Amino acid sequence: MTSSLSNSSSHSTQFECKSIAELPQVAQKVIDLANKLNKRIWILEGDLGAGKTTFTKAVCKELGVKETVSSPTFALINEYEGNYDNQESKIIYHCDFYRINNPNEVLELGIEEYFEKAEENGNYCFIEWASKIEPFLPEHYLQIDIEVNQTTNSRILTVRSL
């Protein structure tokens, strides 16, 4: 695992995850960075199969989730109970909007309430395929772009605070 601070004017940090064994370390480093920046809403972007859900599973494990974390592709939003911030029961929201055809569909799900809960209660909210609901995204969040290095099959995570 390697990390480096990119161009400081863009305020992005890159992490390279060379193997699945390094994933817990990378997840913890991103959690630490997010805590430092006070960002609980995370946008995960990347091609299909890049590892957005796999990364989210690793982050949830680091945040103390005991239950099995699965892709919310059909449910759209899964909720998990974590153990972080020195509290035994904190909620994590995991959203996957791949199947959304019209951004307005998320209003029916109450997406704005999830964002409010994340900001007010310190809950995490992870959003895959957020570009499909762009008009409803909050003003501030952590964006994580995951790219596959085709030569090494490692994952490059570029983390930006927006």
Protein backbone atom coordinates (compact mmCIF):
# COMPACT_ATOMS: atom_id res chain seq x y z
CA MET A 1 0.00 0.00 0.00
CA THR A 2 1.31 3.41 -0.91
CA SER A 3 -0.13 6.83 -0.36
CA SER A 4 0.92 10.23 -1.53
CA LEU A 5 -0.43 13.73 -1.48
CA SER A 6 -1.07 14.88 -5.01
CA ASN A 7 -1.10 18.44 -6.22
CA SER A 8 -1.86 20.33 -3.01
CA SER A 9 -4.06 22.86 -4.81
CA SER A 10 -6.53 20.08 -5.69
CA HIS A 11 -6.58 18.75 -2.12
CA SER A 12 -6.55 15.12 -3.18
CA THR A 13 -4.78 12.14 -1.71
CA GLN A 14 -4.07 8.92 -3.55
CA PHE A 15 -3.79 5.43 -2.11
CA GLU A 16 -2.73 2.35 -4.01
CA CYS A 17 -4.10 -0.97 -2.85
CA LYS A 18 -1.95 -3.68 -4.41
CA SER A 19 -3.85 -6.64 -2.96
CA ILE A 20 -7.02 -7.55 -1.09
CA ALA A 21 -4.81 -8.12 1.98
CA GLU A 22 -3.98 -4.38 2.02
CA LEU A 23 -7.63 -3.35 1.87
CA PRO A 24 -8.19 -3.02 5.66
CA GLN A 25 -5.16 -0.70 5.96
CA VAL A 26 -6.31 1.45 3.04
CA ALA A 27 -9.85 1.56 4.45
CA GLN A 28 -8.54 2.74 7.84
CA LYS A 29 -6.38 5.42 6.21
CA VAL A 30 -9.38 6.78 4.31
CA ILE A 31 -11.48 6.71 7.51
CA ASP A 32 -8.73 8.64 9.32
CA LEU A 33 -8.56 11.20 6.51
CA ALA A 34 -12.36 11.56 6.44
CA ASN A 35 -12.43 12.10 10.22
CA LYS A 36 -9.71 14.72 9.94
CA LEU A 37 -11.77 16.49 7.25
CA ASN A 38 -15.04 15.89 9.14
CA LYS A 39 -16.67 14.14 6.15
CA ARG A 40 -19.26 11.43 6.80
CA ILE A 41 -20.92 11.42 3.37
CA TRP A 42 -18.76 9.56 0.87
CA ILE A 43 -19.27 9.34 -2.88
CA LEU A 44 -17.67 6.26 -4.46
CA GLU A 45 -17.09 6.44 -8.20
CA GLY A 46 -15.53 3.93 -10.54
CA ASP A 47 -16.30 1.60 -13.38
CA LEU A 48 -18.46 -1.46 -12.88
CA GLY A 49 -16.30 -4.01 -11.06
CA ALA A 50 -13.71 -1.46 -9.88
CA GLY A 51 -14.28 -2.40 -6.24
CA LYS A 52 -16.67 0.18 -4.79
CA THR A 53 -18.69 -2.37 -2.82
CA THR A 54 -15.60 -4.35 -1.82
CA PHE A 55 -14.04 -1.15 -0.48
CA THR A 56 -17.27 -0.27 1.35
CA LYS A 57 -17.31 -3.73 2.97
CA ALA A 58 -13.75 -3.17 4.23
CA VAL A 59 -14.63 0.29 5.58
CA CYS A 60 -17.71 -1.08 7.34
CA LYS A 61 -15.63 -3.80 8.97
CA GLU A 62 -13.16 -1.17 10.20
CA LEU A 63 -16.14 0.79 11.61
CA GLY A 64 -17.23 -2.20 13.66
CA VAL A 65 -20.04 -3.63 11.53
CA LYS A 66 -20.50 -7.27 12.55
CA GLU A 67 -23.18 -8.27 10.04
CA THR A 68 -22.55 -9.19 6.42
CA VAL A 69 -22.31 -6.14 4.19
CA SER A 70 -23.78 -6.67 0.74
CA SER A 71 -24.44 -4.56 -2.31
CA PRO A 72 -27.71 -2.62 -2.05
CA THR A 73 -28.16 -2.74 -5.84
CA PHE A 74 -31.75 -3.98 -5.56
CA ALA A 75 -32.70 -2.54 -2.17
CA LEU A 76 -30.98 0.76 -3.12
CA ILE A 77 -30.14 1.55 0.54
CA ASN A 78 -28.87 -0.81 3.25
CA GLU A 79 -28.43 0.18 6.88
CA TYR A 80 -25.82 -1.31 9.17
CA GLU A 81 -25.02 -0.88 12.82
CA GLY A 82 -21.43 0.06 13.52
CA ASN A 83 -19.29 0.72 16.56
CA TYR A 84 -17.31 3.94 16.10
CA ASP A 85 -16.90 7.37 17.70
CA ASN A 86 -16.67 5.56 21.07
CA GLN A 87 -20.33 4.59 20.77
CA GLU A 88 -21.59 1.05 20.53
CA SER A 89 -24.45 1.70 18.15
CA LYS A 90 -24.03 4.04 15.21
CA ILE A 91 -25.76 3.74 11.85
CA ILE A 92 -24.08 3.41 8.46
CA TYR A 93 -26.07 3.94 5.27
CA HIS A 94 -24.87 2.22 2.10
CA CYS A 95 -26.56 3.40 -1.09
CA ASP A 96 -26.20 2.04 -4.61
CA PHE A 97 -28.02 4.02 -7.29
CA TYR A 98 -26.88 2.02 -10.32
CA ARG A 99 -30.49 1.09 -11.12
CA ILE A 100 -31.86 4.64 -10.79
CA ASN A 101 -33.22 5.92 -14.11
CA ASN A 102 -34.63 9.23 -12.90
CA PRO A 103 -32.86 11.21 -10.13
CA ASN A 104 -36.26 12.13 -8.63
CA GLU A 105 -36.70 8.48 -7.56
CA VAL A 106 -34.35 9.10 -4.62
CA LEU A 107 -36.67 11.77 -3.22
CA GLU A 108 -39.28 9.03 -2.71
CA LEU A 109 -36.64 7.08 -0.76
CA GLY A 110 -36.09 10.07 1.50
CA ILE A 111 -32.46 10.56 0.48
CA GLU A 112 -32.36 14.06 1.94
CA GLU A 113 -33.20 12.62 5.37
CA TYR A 114 -30.29 10.18 5.11
CA PHE A 115 -27.94 13.06 4.34
CA GLU A 116 -29.34 15.07 7.27
CA LYS A 117 -28.91 12.13 9.65
CA ALA A 118 -25.33 11.69 8.49
CA GLU A 119 -24.52 15.35 9.04
CA GLU A 120 -26.44 15.81 12.31
CA ASN A 121 -25.78 12.47 14.02
CA GLY A 122 -22.33 11.69 12.67
CA ASN A 123 -23.57 8.64 10.79
CA TYR A 124 -21.71 7.53 7.70
CA CYS A 125 -23.42 7.50 4.31
CA PHE A 126 -21.64 5.74 1.43
CA ILE A 127 -23.07 6.32 -2.05
CA GLU A 128 -22.20 4.28 -5.12
CA TRP A 129 -23.20 5.65 -8.55
CA ALA A 130 -23.89 9.09 -7.07
CA SER A 131 -23.59 10.66 -10.51
CA LYS A 132 -27.10 9.32 -11.19
CA ILE A 133 -28.54 11.55 -8.44
CA GLU A 134 -26.25 14.55 -8.85
CA PRO A 135 -28.99 17.22 -8.46
CA PHE A 136 -29.69 15.94 -4.93
CA LEU A 137 -26.17 15.48 -3.61
CA PRO A 138 -25.24 17.51 -0.54
CA GLU A 139 -22.93 20.46 -0.91
CA HIS A 140 -20.02 18.83 0.99
CA TYR A 141 -18.76 15.26 0.82
CA LEU A 142 -15.72 13.08 0.36
CA GLN A 143 -15.31 11.77 -3.18
CA ILE A 144 -13.41 8.53 -3.71
CA ASP A 145 -12.58 7.61 -7.30
CA ILE A 146 -11.48 3.99 -7.70
CA GLU A 147 -9.50 3.03 -10.78
CA VAL A 148 -8.07 -0.34 -11.77
CA ASN A 149 -4.46 -0.38 -12.90
CA GLN A 150 -4.79 -2.76 -15.84
CA THR A 151 -1.13 -3.79 -15.70
CA THR A 152 -0.92 -4.72 -12.01
CA ASN A 153 -4.65 -5.15 -11.19
CA SER A 154 -4.08 -2.89 -8.18
CA ARG A 155 -6.65 -0.24 -7.23
CA ILE A 156 -5.85 3.45 -7.16
CA LEU A 157 -8.10 5.43 -4.82
CA THR A 158 -8.12 9.18 -5.30
CA VAL A 159 -9.76 10.90 -2.35
CA ARG A 160 -10.98 14.51 -2.58
CA SER A 161 -12.83 16.68 -0.12
CA LEU A 162 -15.62 18.61 -1.82
